[in-house]
């Protein structure tokens, strides 16, 4: 007497079926590997762009930081007296340092995939106890003024303002995975340190530079 039904008999998996399963699995791992490699290359490209832009912003900020020599000669205070004029110099410096055309687009689209826009520009004049800030708008004119106690004022990137200097921020498009374009921001605070302060820092063993 046979109790087992023919329809319930165990079927053997052929070598062909196993080969197809292994082939599909191999394609899946290749796809995952391709995505991983592309992601790593994209992150490396973004890091390279960030470093390039940080250097360009630092040089542009320093180029625009024109101090009042008369005031420095009288009181040894470092003051950026004409913030709108400093902004005009900054605009030209950014275009030159990033290699931008008339449309504010970079010739190297692997670094910057779209037009660059100046988001913020702030001049910080610092004396012994106070920080006086001047923000310049996109029209090149003063849009805001404020002040605060020294050590309590922070730039938009979160860095404490200790010395007279300039903060600027730009935004731009970068190309990500699968051709997707995302908008990125980069800000930089650069301060100006007099020779006397540099000497005192060296004597005290402080290795901090003039940039933040």
Protein backbone atom coordinates (compact mmCIF):
# COMPACT_ATOMS: atom_id res chain seq x y z
CA UNK A 1 0.00 0.00 0.00
CA UNK A 2 1.45 3.36 -1.03
CA UNK A 3 0.52 6.30 1.26
CA UNK A 4 2.73 8.93 -0.45
CA UNK A 5 1.07 10.91 -3.20
CA UNK A 6 2.94 11.39 -6.41
CA UNK A 7 2.35 15.18 -6.37
CA UNK A 8 4.27 15.59 -3.12
CA UNK A 9 7.42 13.95 -4.31
CA UNK A 10 10.60 15.95 -3.64
CA UNK A 11 12.05 17.55 -6.70
CA UNK A 12 15.79 17.72 -7.23
CA UNK A 13 17.37 21.12 -8.09
CA UNK A 14 19.29 20.74 -11.29
CA UNK A 15 22.81 22.08 -11.89
CA UNK A 16 21.33 24.55 -14.38
CA UNK A 17 19.06 26.08 -11.74
CA UNK A 18 21.95 26.38 -9.30
CA UNK A 19 24.04 28.08 -11.96
CA UNK A 20 21.32 30.61 -12.66
CA UNK A 21 20.97 31.40 -8.95
CA UNK A 22 24.71 31.91 -8.59
CA UNK A 23 24.74 34.14 -11.69
CA UNK A 24 21.95 36.36 -10.30
CA UNK A 25 23.69 36.53 -6.92
CA UNK A 26 26.96 37.50 -8.60
CA UNK A 27 25.25 40.31 -10.52
CA UNK A 28 23.74 41.57 -7.26
CA UNK A 29 27.13 41.72 -5.56
CA UNK A 30 28.65 43.45 -8.59
CA UNK A 31 25.88 46.07 -8.43
CA UNK A 32 26.50 46.63 -4.70
CA UNK A 33 30.24 46.93 -5.34
CA UNK A 34 29.68 49.44 -8.15
CA UNK A 35 27.45 51.57 -5.90
CA UNK A 36 30.03 51.43 -3.09
CA UNK A 37 32.91 52.42 -5.36
CA UNK A 38 30.88 55.27 -6.88
CA UNK A 39 29.96 56.52 -3.42
CA UNK A 40 33.58 56.47 -2.26
CA UNK A 41 34.71 58.34 -5.38
CA UNK A 42 31.94 60.91 -4.91
CA UNK A 43 32.93 61.49 -1.26
CA UNK A 44 36.58 61.87 -2.27
CA UNK A 45 35.59 64.39 -4.93
CA UNK A 46 33.54 66.36 -2.40
CA UNK A 47 36.44 66.42 0.06
CA UNK A 48 38.73 67.70 -2.68
CA UNK A 49 36.21 70.39 -3.60
CA UNK A 50 35.81 71.42 0.06
CA UNK A 51 39.57 71.81 0.52
CA UNK A 52 39.92 73.75 -2.73
CA UNK A 53 37.08 76.12 -1.84
CA UNK A 54 38.34 76.64 1.72
CA UNK A 55 41.73 77.79 0.41
CA UNK A 56 40.08 80.02 -2.20
CA UNK A 57 37.80 81.62 0.41
CA UNK A 58 40.71 82.18 2.80
CA UNK A 59 42.72 83.97 0.10
CA UNK A 60 39.69 86.01 -0.99
CA UNK A 61 38.92 87.05 2.59
CA UNK A 62 42.50 88.13 3.20
CA UNK A 63 42.60 90.03 -0.10
CA UNK A 64 39.54 92.04 0.94
CA UNK A 65 40.68 92.75 4.51
CA UNK A 66 42.06 96.24 3.92
CA UNK A 67 42.94 97.73 7.29
CA UNK A 68 42.93 101.44 8.13
CA UNK A 69 46.66 102.21 8.14
CA UNK A 70 46.15 105.64 9.68
CA UNK A 71 44.26 104.15 12.62
CA UNK A 72 46.86 101.42 13.00
CA UNK A 73 49.64 104.01 13.01
CA UNK A 74 47.91 105.99 15.76
CA UNK A 75 46.56 103.28 18.07
CA UNK A 76 47.92 99.97 16.69
CA UNK A 77 44.29 98.86 16.36
CA UNK A 78 43.48 96.73 13.32
CA UNK A 79 40.27 98.07 11.79
CA UNK A 80 38.63 97.41 8.43
CA UNK A 81 37.07 100.82 7.98
CA UNK A 82 35.39 100.55 4.56
CA UNK A 83 33.36 97.34 4.52
CA UNK A 84 31.60 97.98 1.15
CA UNK A 85 34.96 98.59 -0.55
CA UNK A 86 36.28 95.39 1.06
CA UNK A 87 33.29 93.50 -0.34
CA UNK A 88 33.98 94.75 -3.87
CA UNK A 89 37.54 93.47 -3.62
CA UNK A 90 36.26 90.17 -2.25
CA UNK A 91 33.90 89.67 -5.20
CA UNK A 92 36.75 90.11 -7.69
CA UNK A 93 39.04 87.86 -5.64
CA UNK A 94 36.47 85.05 -5.49
CA UNK A 95 36.01 85.13 -9.25
CA UNK A 96 39.76 85.01 -9.85
CA UNK A 97 40.56 82.38 -7.22
CA UNK A 98 37.78 80.02 -8.33
CA UNK A 99 38.28 80.66 -12.04
CA UNK A 100 34.68 81.76 -12.63
CA UNK A 101 33.35 83.13 -15.92
CA UNK A 102 30.90 86.00 -16.45
CA UNK A 103 28.03 83.73 -15.38
CA UNK A 104 29.88 82.82 -12.18
CA UNK A 105 30.33 79.25 -13.33
CA UNK A 106 33.52 77.25 -12.87
CA UNK A 107 35.28 75.85 -15.91
CA UNK A 108 36.03 72.68 -13.93
CA UNK A 109 32.54 71.21 -13.52
CA UNK A 110 33.87 68.19 -11.65
CA UNK A 111 34.47 70.56 -8.73
CA UNK A 112 31.53 72.95 -9.10
CA UNK A 113 28.58 71.91 -11.26
CA UNK A 114 26.71 75.21 -11.34
CA UNK A 115 26.94 78.95 -10.71
CA UNK A 116 28.53 80.17 -7.47
CA UNK A 117 26.54 82.53 -5.26
CA UNK A 118 27.83 84.71 -2.43
CA UNK A 119 25.56 84.01 0.53
CA UNK A 120 27.17 86.06 3.30
CA UNK A 121 29.98 88.55 3.88
CA UNK A 122 30.70 89.97 7.34
CA UNK A 123 33.48 92.24 8.57
CA UNK A 124 34.40 91.90 12.27
CA UNK A 125 36.29 94.75 13.91
CA UNK A 126 37.58 93.70 17.33
CA UNK A 127 39.02 95.87 20.07
CA UNK A 128 39.98 94.85 23.60
CA UNK A 129 36.44 94.20 24.83
CA UNK A 130 33.99 94.51 21.93
CA UNK A 131 33.31 92.97 18.54
CA UNK A 132 31.64 95.23 15.99
CA UNK A 133 30.15 93.36 13.03
CA UNK A 134 29.10 94.73 9.64
CA UNK A 135 27.19 92.56 7.18
CA UNK A 136 27.26 93.47 3.50
CA UNK A 137 24.28 92.53 1.33
CA UNK A 138 24.31 91.26 -2.22
CA UNK A 139 23.96 94.81 -3.49
CA UNK A 140 27.31 95.68 -1.93
CA UNK A 141 25.81 97.93 0.75
CA UNK A 142 25.69 97.62 4.53
CA UNK A 143 22.61 95.57 5.45
CA UNK A 144 23.16 95.06 9.18
CA UNK A 145 25.32 96.18 12.09
CA UNK A 146 25.61 94.70 15.56
CA UNK A 147 28.11 94.30 18.39
CA UNK A 148 28.83 92.02 21.30
CA UNK A 149 31.31 91.23 24.01
CA UNK A 150 34.60 89.83 22.86
CA UNK A 151 34.56 86.05 23.21
CA UNK A 152 30.76 85.90 22.98
CA UNK A 153 30.36 86.62 19.25
CA UNK A 154 30.45 83.68 16.86
CA UNK A 155 30.63 83.63 13.08
CA UNK A 156 27.82 81.79 11.22
CA UNK A 157 30.04 78.68 11.01
CA UNK A 158 30.19 78.54 14.83
CA UNK A 159 33.77 79.81 15.24
CA UNK A 160 34.33 82.39 17.99
CA UNK A 161 35.52 85.76 16.70
CA UNK A 162 38.70 86.70 18.58
CA UNK A 163 40.42 89.14 16.19
CA UNK A 164 39.49 91.58 13.46
CA UNK A 165 38.72 89.62 10.34
CA UNK A 166 36.31 88.61 7.59
CA UNK A 167 33.76 85.83 7.27
CA UNK A 168 32.34 84.82 3.91
CA UNK A 169 30.09 82.05 2.69
CA UNK A 170 29.22 80.81 -0.78
CA UNK A 171 26.83 78.21 -2.14
CA UNK A 172 27.24 76.12 -5.25
CA UNK A 173 26.04 72.94 -6.94
CA UNK A 174 28.00 69.70 -6.89
CA UNK A 175 27.26 66.55 -8.84
CA UNK A 176 26.61 63.48 -6.75
CA UNK A 177 25.76 59.83 -7.36
CA UNK A 178 24.03 58.96 -10.64
CA UNK A 179 24.28 62.54 -11.86
CA UNK A 180 22.14 63.95 -9.05
CA UNK A 181 23.00 67.59 -8.33
CA UNK A 182 22.92 68.88 -4.74
CA UNK A 183 23.55 72.35 -3.33
CA UNK A 184 26.46 72.80 -0.93
CA UNK A 185 27.56 75.69 1.29
CA UNK A 186 31.09 76.64 2.34
CA UNK A 187 31.96 79.32 4.89
CA UNK A 188 35.32 80.57 6.14
CA UNK A 189 36.42 82.96 8.89
CA UNK A 190 39.88 84.52 8.50
CA UNK A 191 41.28 86.86 11.13
CA UNK A 192 44.09 89.40 10.97
CA UNK A 193 46.73 89.20 13.68
CA UNK A 194 49.30 91.94 14.21
CA UNK A 195 53.01 91.18 14.52
CA UNK A 196 52.97 92.00 18.23
CA UNK A 197 50.24 89.43 18.86
CA UNK A 198 52.04 86.84 16.77
CA UNK A 199 55.21 87.36 18.83
CA UNK A 200 53.31 86.99 22.08
CA UNK A 201 51.71 83.77 20.81
CA UNK A 202 55.09 82.33 19.86
CA UNK A 203 56.57 83.23 23.24
CA UNK A 204 53.69 81.55 25.04
CA UNK A 205 54.07 78.45 22.88
CA UNK A 206 50.70 78.88 21.16
CA UNK A 207 50.88 77.32 17.69
CA UNK A 208 47.52 78.65 16.49
CA UNK A 209 47.74 80.48 13.16
CA UNK A 210 46.01 83.58 11.89
CA UNK A 211 43.16 81.61 10.30
CA UNK A 212 40.17 79.98 11.89
